[in-house]
Amino acid sequence: MSFVDTRRRFFSLLGISVLFIVVIGYGYFRAENLIRGPIISVIYPSDGETITLDTIVIHGKAKNVSHLYLNDRQILINQEGIFREALSIPLGYTVVTIRGEDRFGKTKTVILRLGKEGPLTSTSTPSV
């Protein structure tokens, strides 16, 4: 085997290897959304936050989501994946569940635990 044949064989194998790596890399890039599943990030309110208003607007961003639910009620997202939904918060402790599903059936759930403070009431009786 001559030097030229060895060199030609080396570059052929190198080219095939680079092509293989590019094809695998592109396949991973295109399948990344399928592999990751839904991604949900809540901008407001944060978990554990104490609320003073009767109604709040929960907003955030969802990626790789075909359906989004707030307390098992479907809500809409825009093309950028941003959602905004008003929710009435009762006095005391409230658990808010945001669940996203992708088109392949994978789900992601975010749970927010919120507290609501109300006006202070006095239980003492006035003196006579």
Protein backbone atom coordinates (compact mmCIF):
# COMPACT_ATOMS: atom_id res chain seq x y z
CA MET A 1 0.00 0.00 0.00
CA SER A 2 1.49 3.30 -1.04
CA PHE A 3 1.59 6.56 0.88
CA VAL A 4 -0.98 8.13 -1.45
CA ASP A 5 -3.46 5.28 -0.90
CA THR A 6 -3.05 5.53 2.88
CA ARG A 7 -3.54 9.28 2.77
CA ARG A 8 -6.63 8.97 0.54
CA ARG A 9 -8.09 6.33 2.86
CA PHE A 10 -7.42 8.52 5.92
CA PHE A 11 -9.20 11.53 4.41
CA SER A 12 -12.11 9.37 3.28
CA LEU A 13 -12.59 8.04 6.81
CA LEU A 14 -12.19 11.56 8.22
CA GLY A 15 -14.86 12.90 5.84
CA ILE A 16 -17.28 10.10 6.68
CA SER A 17 -16.69 10.66 10.41
CA VAL A 18 -17.33 14.41 10.15
CA LEU A 19 -20.47 13.78 8.11
CA PHE A 20 -21.68 11.27 10.70
CA ILE A 21 -21.08 13.74 13.55
CA VAL A 22 -22.91 16.51 11.69
CA VAL A 23 -25.92 14.25 11.00
CA ILE A 24 -26.09 13.12 14.66
CA GLY A 25 -25.72 16.71 15.90
CA TYR A 26 -28.47 17.97 13.60
CA GLY A 27 -30.76 15.12 14.65
CA TYR A 28 -30.23 15.96 18.32
CA PHE A 29 -30.82 19.67 17.62
CA ARG A 30 -34.14 18.91 15.89
CA ALA A 31 -35.23 16.34 18.51
CA GLU A 32 -34.27 18.45 21.53
CA ASN A 33 -37.85 19.66 22.06
CA LEU A 34 -39.10 16.08 21.95
CA ILE A 35 -36.45 14.96 24.42
CA ARG A 36 -36.94 17.84 26.89
CA GLY A 37 -40.72 18.01 26.95
CA PRO A 38 -42.67 21.04 28.20
CA ILE A 39 -40.90 23.91 29.97
CA ILE A 40 -42.96 26.29 32.15
CA SER A 41 -41.61 29.34 33.94
CA VAL A 42 -43.89 31.53 36.06
CA ILE A 43 -42.93 35.21 36.17
CA TYR A 44 -45.57 36.31 38.70
CA PRO A 45 -46.41 35.34 41.40
CA SER A 46 -43.59 33.34 42.91
CA ASP A 47 -44.11 30.23 44.99
CA GLY A 48 -44.80 31.07 48.65
CA GLU A 49 -45.77 34.67 47.96
CA THR A 50 -48.32 36.44 50.15
CA ILE A 51 -51.01 38.24 48.17
CA THR A 52 -53.10 41.19 49.36
CA LEU A 53 -55.32 41.64 46.29
CA ASP A 54 -58.55 39.75 45.62
CA THR A 55 -57.60 39.02 42.00
CA ILE A 56 -54.13 38.51 40.57
CA VAL A 57 -52.84 38.00 37.05
CA ILE A 58 -50.67 34.92 36.79
CA HIS A 59 -48.24 35.24 33.94
CA GLY A 60 -45.26 33.38 32.63
CA LYS A 61 -43.82 31.61 29.64
CA ALA A 62 -44.32 28.09 28.33
CA LYS A 63 -42.13 26.37 25.75
CA ASN A 64 -42.78 23.12 23.87
CA VAL A 65 -46.41 23.19 25.03
CA SER A 66 -49.50 22.39 22.97
CA HIS A 67 -51.99 22.68 25.89
CA LEU A 68 -51.68 24.69 29.11
CA TYR A 69 -53.95 24.35 32.12
CA LEU A 70 -54.44 26.55 35.19
CA ASN A 71 -56.15 24.57 37.97
CA ASP A 72 -57.34 22.05 35.32
CA ARG A 73 -58.89 24.80 33.15
CA GLN A 74 -57.29 25.28 29.74
CA ILE A 75 -55.75 28.71 29.18
CA LEU A 76 -54.40 30.33 26.04
CA ILE A 77 -50.80 31.13 25.17
CA ASN A 78 -49.58 33.40 22.40
CA GLN A 79 -47.11 32.47 19.66
CA GLU A 80 -44.15 33.40 21.87
CA GLY A 81 -45.46 31.09 24.60
CA ILE A 82 -46.48 33.86 27.00
CA PHE A 83 -49.58 33.35 29.13
CA ARG A 84 -51.56 35.76 31.33
CA GLU A 85 -54.60 34.66 33.28
CA ALA A 86 -56.59 36.41 36.02
CA LEU A 87 -57.38 34.35 39.09
CA SER A 88 -59.45 35.18 42.15
CA ILE A 89 -57.59 34.28 45.35
CA PRO A 90 -59.63 33.45 48.47
CA LEU A 91 -58.52 34.41 51.95
CA GLY A 92 -55.99 32.03 53.47
CA TYR A 93 -53.85 29.41 51.75
CA THR A 94 -54.28 28.61 48.04
CA VAL A 95 -52.57 26.08 45.80
CA VAL A 96 -52.40 26.98 42.11
CA THR A 97 -51.45 24.27 39.61
CA ILE A 98 -50.14 25.06 36.14
CA ARG A 99 -49.79 22.03 33.87
CA GLY A 100 -48.46 21.92 30.35
CA GLU A 101 -48.69 19.09 27.82
CA ASP A 102 -46.70 18.71 24.64
CA ARG A 103 -48.00 17.07 21.48
CA PHE A 104 -46.34 13.77 22.44
CA GLY A 105 -48.15 13.47 25.80
CA LYS A 106 -45.31 14.58 28.10
CA THR A 107 -46.44 16.82 30.94
CA LYS A 108 -44.83 19.34 33.26
CA THR A 109 -46.55 20.69 36.38
CA VAL A 110 -45.70 23.81 38.37
CA ILE A 111 -47.30 24.27 41.78
CA LEU A 112 -47.61 27.70 43.39
CA ARG A 113 -48.48 27.95 47.08
CA LEU A 114 -49.97 31.36 47.77
CA GLY A 115 -51.24 33.01 50.91
CA LYS A 116 -53.74 35.84 51.10
CA GLU A 117 -53.93 38.20 54.00
CA GLY A 118 -57.13 39.99 54.80
CA PRO A 119 -58.03 42.86 57.06
CA LEU A 120 -57.38 42.27 60.74
CA THR A 121 -60.52 41.80 62.79
CA SER A 122 -60.82 42.32 66.51
CA THR A 123 -62.49 39.64 68.61
CA SER A 124 -62.61 41.69 71.81
CA THR A 125 -65.88 43.13 73.03
CA PRO A 126 -66.15 46.82 73.73
CA SER A 127 -66.23 47.82 77.40
CA VAL A 128 -69.38 49.41 78.81
